[in-house]
Amino acid sequence: MHIGGRIRLRRTLLGYSQAKLATAIGLTFQQIQKYEHGSNRIGASRLHQLSRVLEVPVDFFFEDAPALDGVPAAGLAEEGEPYDAGPDPMQRRETLELIRAYYRVEDQATRRRVLDLLKAMSGARADETGGENN
């Protein structure tokens, strides 16, 4: 179900309907629904095709995926930090709205200030967020 959620996330971020995505890869929108809901498995070649249409690397679909036994793979959690398999914030509508609004800000310097403001308000430090510069 995780991979289907990532397909839905990326499709939504790009503003594609299920029908538009289905047409792009030669399927029905019902099949896209089944993939997104985890009703049908997705083969490797189909996943590769989806990654090309959705303009992401294949590993995008596996990011933050829980291990099969519910325990993270070795080295993924900080030492002594409990594994949190809670809801993925990237699946929330609020997150999608925030990302879309952020990228609608055309001026890069203004976007950077908005990001800095959000980090300050949330108490995030640059080293916690990778210290990236956009």
C-alpha atoms as a PDB file:
ATOM      1  CA  MET A   1       0.000   0.000   0.000  1.00  0.00           C
ATOM      2  CA  HIS A   2       2.982   2.300   0.560  1.00  0.00           C
ATOM      3  CA  ILE A   3       3.971   2.320  -3.113  1.00  0.00           C
ATOM      4  CA  GLY A   4       0.414   3.113  -4.157  1.00  0.00           C
ATOM      5  CA  GLY A   5       0.357   6.026  -1.736  1.00  0.00           C
ATOM      6  CA  ARG A   6       3.579   7.368  -3.220  1.00  0.00           C
ATOM      7  CA  ILE A   7       2.091   7.093  -6.730  1.00  0.00           C
ATOM      8  CA  ARG A   8      -0.945   9.039  -5.556  1.00  0.00           C
ATOM      9  CA  LEU A   9       1.247  11.647  -3.849  1.00  0.00           C
ATOM     10  CA  ARG A  10       3.341  12.312  -6.937  1.00  0.00           C
ATOM     11  CA  ARG A  11       0.336  12.227  -9.279  1.00  0.00           C
ATOM     12  CA  THR A  12      -1.432  14.774  -7.093  1.00  0.00           C
ATOM     13  CA  LEU A  13       1.633  17.017  -6.834  1.00  0.00           C
ATOM     14  CA  LEU A  14       1.836  17.104 -10.626  1.00  0.00           C
ATOM     15  CA  GLY A  15      -1.883  17.865 -10.860  1.00  0.00           C
ATOM     16  CA  TYR A  16      -2.636  14.694 -12.842  1.00  0.00           C
ATOM     17  CA  SER A  17      -5.982  12.964 -12.596  1.00  0.00           C
ATOM     18  CA  GLN A  18      -6.065   9.185 -12.411  1.00  0.00           C
ATOM     19  CA  ALA A  19      -7.426   9.226 -15.963  1.00  0.00           C
ATOM     20  CA  LYS A  20      -4.551  11.377 -17.249  1.00  0.00           C
ATOM     21  CA  LEU A  21      -1.949   9.114 -15.655  1.00  0.00           C
ATOM     22  CA  ALA A  22      -3.730   6.016 -16.949  1.00  0.00           C
ATOM     23  CA  THR A  23      -3.803   7.373 -20.498  1.00  0.00           C
ATOM     24  CA  ALA A  24      -0.095   8.220 -20.343  1.00  0.00           C
ATOM     25  CA  ILE A  25       0.822   4.599 -19.592  1.00  0.00           C
ATOM     26  CA  GLY A  26      -1.951   2.858 -21.536  1.00  0.00           C
ATOM     27  CA  LEU A  27      -4.149   1.702 -18.654  1.00  0.00           C
ATOM     28  CA  THR A  28      -7.628   2.443 -17.351  1.00  0.00           C
ATOM     29  CA  PHE A  29      -8.152   4.858 -14.478  1.00  0.00           C
ATOM     30  CA  GLN A  30      -9.634   1.929 -12.539  1.00  0.00           C
ATOM     31  CA  GLN A  31      -6.262   0.171 -12.720  1.00  0.00           C
ATOM     32  CA  ILE A  32      -4.544   3.288 -11.354  1.00  0.00           C
ATOM     33  CA  GLN A  33      -7.093   3.286  -8.499  1.00  0.00           C
ATOM     34  CA  LYS A  34      -6.245  -0.341  -7.755  1.00  0.00           C
ATOM     35  CA  TYR A  35      -2.524   0.447  -7.701  1.00  0.00           C
ATOM     36  CA  GLU A  36      -3.044   3.446  -5.421  1.00  0.00           C
ATOM     37  CA  HIS A  37      -5.237   1.526  -2.985  1.00  0.00           C
ATOM     38  CA  GLY A  38      -2.937  -1.496  -2.930  1.00  0.00           C
ATOM     39  CA  SER A  39      -5.550  -3.817  -4.446  1.00  0.00           C
ATOM     40  CA  ASN A  40      -3.225  -4.855  -7.275  1.00  0.00           C
ATOM     41  CA  ARG A  41       0.505  -5.413  -7.216  1.00  0.00           C
ATOM     42  CA  ILE A  42       2.723  -3.380  -9.503  1.00  0.00           C
ATOM     43  CA  GLY A  43       5.343  -5.177 -11.564  1.00  0.00           C
ATOM     44  CA  ALA A  44       8.858  -3.831 -11.954  1.00  0.00           C
ATOM     45  CA  SER A  45       8.387  -2.789 -15.584  1.00  0.00           C
ATOM     46  CA  ARG A  46       5.148  -0.961 -14.753  1.00  0.00           C
ATOM     47  CA  LEU A  47       6.823   0.778 -11.818  1.00  0.00           C
ATOM     48  CA  HIS A  48       9.610   1.882 -14.143  1.00  0.00           C
ATOM     49  CA  GLN A  49       7.018   3.201 -16.594  1.00  0.00           C
ATOM     50  CA  LEU A  50       5.246   5.096 -13.802  1.00  0.00           C
ATOM     51  CA  SER A  51       8.533   6.598 -12.646  1.00  0.00           C
ATOM     52  CA  ARG A  52       9.181   7.982 -16.131  1.00  0.00           C
ATOM     53  CA  VAL A  53       5.708   9.502 -16.512  1.00  0.00           C
ATOM     54  CA  LEU A  54       5.747  10.900 -12.961  1.00  0.00           C
ATOM     55  CA  GLU A  55       9.322  12.167 -13.447  1.00  0.00           C
ATOM     56  CA  VAL A  56      10.831  10.534 -10.365  1.00  0.00           C
ATOM     57  CA  PRO A  57      13.436   7.800  -9.871  1.00  0.00           C
ATOM     58  CA  VAL A  58      12.043   4.345  -9.081  1.00  0.00           C
ATOM     59  CA  ASP A  59      13.388   4.542  -5.525  1.00  0.00           C
ATOM     60  CA  PHE A  60      10.984   7.452  -4.871  1.00  0.00           C
ATOM     61  CA  PHE A  61       8.210   4.870  -4.485  1.00  0.00           C
ATOM     62  CA  PHE A  62      10.137   3.102  -1.715  1.00  0.00           C
ATOM     63  CA  GLU A  63      11.203   6.133   0.332  1.00  0.00           C
ATOM     64  CA  ASP A  64      10.179   5.826   3.981  1.00  0.00           C
ATOM     65  CA  ALA A  65       8.704   2.376   3.377  1.00  0.00           C
ATOM     66  CA  PRO A  66       8.503   0.345   6.584  1.00  0.00           C
ATOM     67  CA  ALA A  67      10.369  -2.948   6.738  1.00  0.00           C
ATOM     68  CA  LEU A  68       8.215  -6.028   6.307  1.00  0.00           C
ATOM     69  CA  ASP A  69       8.403  -6.933   9.981  1.00  0.00           C
ATOM     70  CA  GLY A  70       7.610  -3.383  11.126  1.00  0.00           C
ATOM     71  CA  VAL A  71      11.201  -2.716  12.173  1.00  0.00           C
ATOM     72  CA  PRO A  72      13.323  -0.322  10.143  1.00  0.00           C
ATOM     73  CA  ALA A  73      16.245  -1.661   8.160  1.00  0.00           C
ATOM     74  CA  ALA A  74      19.538  -1.478  10.023  1.00  0.00           C
ATOM     75  CA  GLY A  75      21.011   1.993  10.151  1.00  0.00           C
ATOM     76  CA  LEU A  76      17.870   3.900   9.222  1.00  0.00           C
ATOM     77  CA  ALA A  77      16.784   4.948  12.707  1.00  0.00           C
ATOM     78  CA  GLU A  78      18.982   6.999  14.983  1.00  0.00           C
ATOM     79  CA  GLU A  79      20.521   4.939  17.752  1.00  0.00           C
ATOM     80  CA  GLY A  80      18.149   4.688  20.697  1.00  0.00           C
ATOM     81  CA  GLU A  81      15.353   6.345  18.730  1.00  0.00           C
ATOM     82  CA  PRO A  82      12.097   4.376  18.610  1.00  0.00           C
ATOM     83  CA  TYR A  83      10.769   3.506  15.166  1.00  0.00           C
ATOM     84  CA  ASP A  84       7.634   5.490  14.365  1.00  0.00           C
ATOM     85  CA  ALA A  85       5.433   3.795  11.773  1.00  0.00           C
ATOM     86  CA  GLY A  86       2.773   6.473  12.160  1.00  0.00           C
ATOM     87  CA  PRO A  87       0.967   8.149   9.290  1.00  0.00           C
ATOM     88  CA  ASP A  88       3.218   9.596   6.606  1.00  0.00           C
ATOM     89  CA  PRO A  89       2.888  13.400   6.667  1.00  0.00           C
ATOM     90  CA  MET A  90       3.596  13.389   2.919  1.00  0.00           C
ATOM     91  CA  GLN A  91       0.222  11.707   2.413  1.00  0.00           C
ATOM     92  CA  ARG A  92      -1.738  14.526   4.053  1.00  0.00           C
ATOM     93  CA  ARG A  93      -3.700  17.018   1.948  1.00  0.00           C
ATOM     94  CA  GLU A  94      -2.335  19.869   4.080  1.00  0.00           C
ATOM     95  CA  THR A  95       1.215  18.918   3.076  1.00  0.00           C
ATOM     96  CA  LEU A  96       0.299  18.902  -0.600  1.00  0.00           C
ATOM     97  CA  GLU A  97      -1.349  22.313  -0.282  1.00  0.00           C
ATOM     98  CA  LEU A  98       1.724  23.700   1.477  1.00  0.00           C
ATOM     99  CA  ILE A  99       4.099  22.380  -1.179  1.00  0.00           C
ATOM    100  CA  ARG A 100       1.961  23.698  -4.026  1.00  0.00           C
ATOM    101  CA  ALA A 101       1.655  27.141  -2.416  1.00  0.00           C
ATOM    102  CA  TYR A 102       5.401  27.241  -1.767  1.00  0.00           C
ATOM    103  CA  TYR A 103       6.261  26.566  -5.401  1.00  0.00           C
ATOM    104  CA  ARG A 104       3.713  29.117  -6.634  1.00  0.00           C
ATOM    105  CA  VAL A 105       5.913  31.806  -5.062  1.00  0.00           C
ATOM    106  CA  GLU A 106       7.917  32.840  -8.122  1.00  0.00           C
ATOM    107  CA  ASP A 107      10.724  34.774  -6.449  1.00  0.00           C
ATOM    108  CA  GLN A 108      13.387  32.356  -5.206  1.00  0.00           C
ATOM    109  CA  ALA A 109      14.595  34.738  -2.473  1.00  0.00           C
ATOM    110  CA  THR A 110      11.052  35.088  -1.139  1.00  0.00           C
ATOM    111  CA  ARG A 111      10.617  31.296  -1.175  1.00  0.00           C
ATOM    112  CA  ARG A 112      13.847  30.982   0.806  1.00  0.00           C
ATOM    113  CA  ARG A 113      12.605  33.501   3.400  1.00  0.00           C
ATOM    114  CA  VAL A 114       9.320  31.599   3.732  1.00  0.00           C
ATOM    115  CA  LEU A 115      11.266  28.390   4.302  1.00  0.00           C
ATOM    116  CA  ASP A 116      13.500  30.077   6.873  1.00  0.00           C
ATOM    117  CA  LEU A 117      10.415  31.457   8.645  1.00  0.00           C
ATOM    118  CA  LEU A 118       8.794  28.013   8.797  1.00  0.00           C
ATOM    119  CA  LYS A 119      11.994  26.493  10.142  1.00  0.00           C
ATOM    120  CA  ALA A 120      12.234  29.197  12.805  1.00  0.00           C
ATOM    121  CA  MET A 121       8.585  28.735  13.797  1.00  0.00           C
ATOM    122  CA  SER A 122       8.962  24.965  14.037  1.00  0.00           C
ATOM    123  CA  GLY A 123      12.240  25.107  15.932  1.00  0.00           C
ATOM    124  CA  ALA A 124      14.054  23.206  13.178  1.00  0.00           C
ATOM    125  CA  ARG A 125      17.774  23.757  12.904  1.00  0.00           C
ATOM    126  CA  ALA A 126      19.595  23.815   9.565  1.00  0.00           C
ATOM    127  CA  ASP A 127      21.563  20.698  10.493  1.00  0.00           C
ATOM    128  CA  GLU A 128      18.303  18.802  11.154  1.00  0.00           C
ATOM    129  CA  THR A 129      16.920  19.631   7.719  1.00  0.00           C
ATOM    130  CA  GLY A 130      20.067  18.993   5.762  1.00  0.00           C
ATOM    131  CA  GLY A 131      20.993  22.665   5.583  1.00  0.00           C
ATOM    132  CA  GLU A 132      19.910  22.752   1.962  1.00  0.00           C
ATOM    133  CA  ASN A 133      19.856  25.951  -0.027  1.00  0.00           C
ATOM    134  CA  ASN A 134      17.153  26.367  -2.656  1.00  0.00           C
END
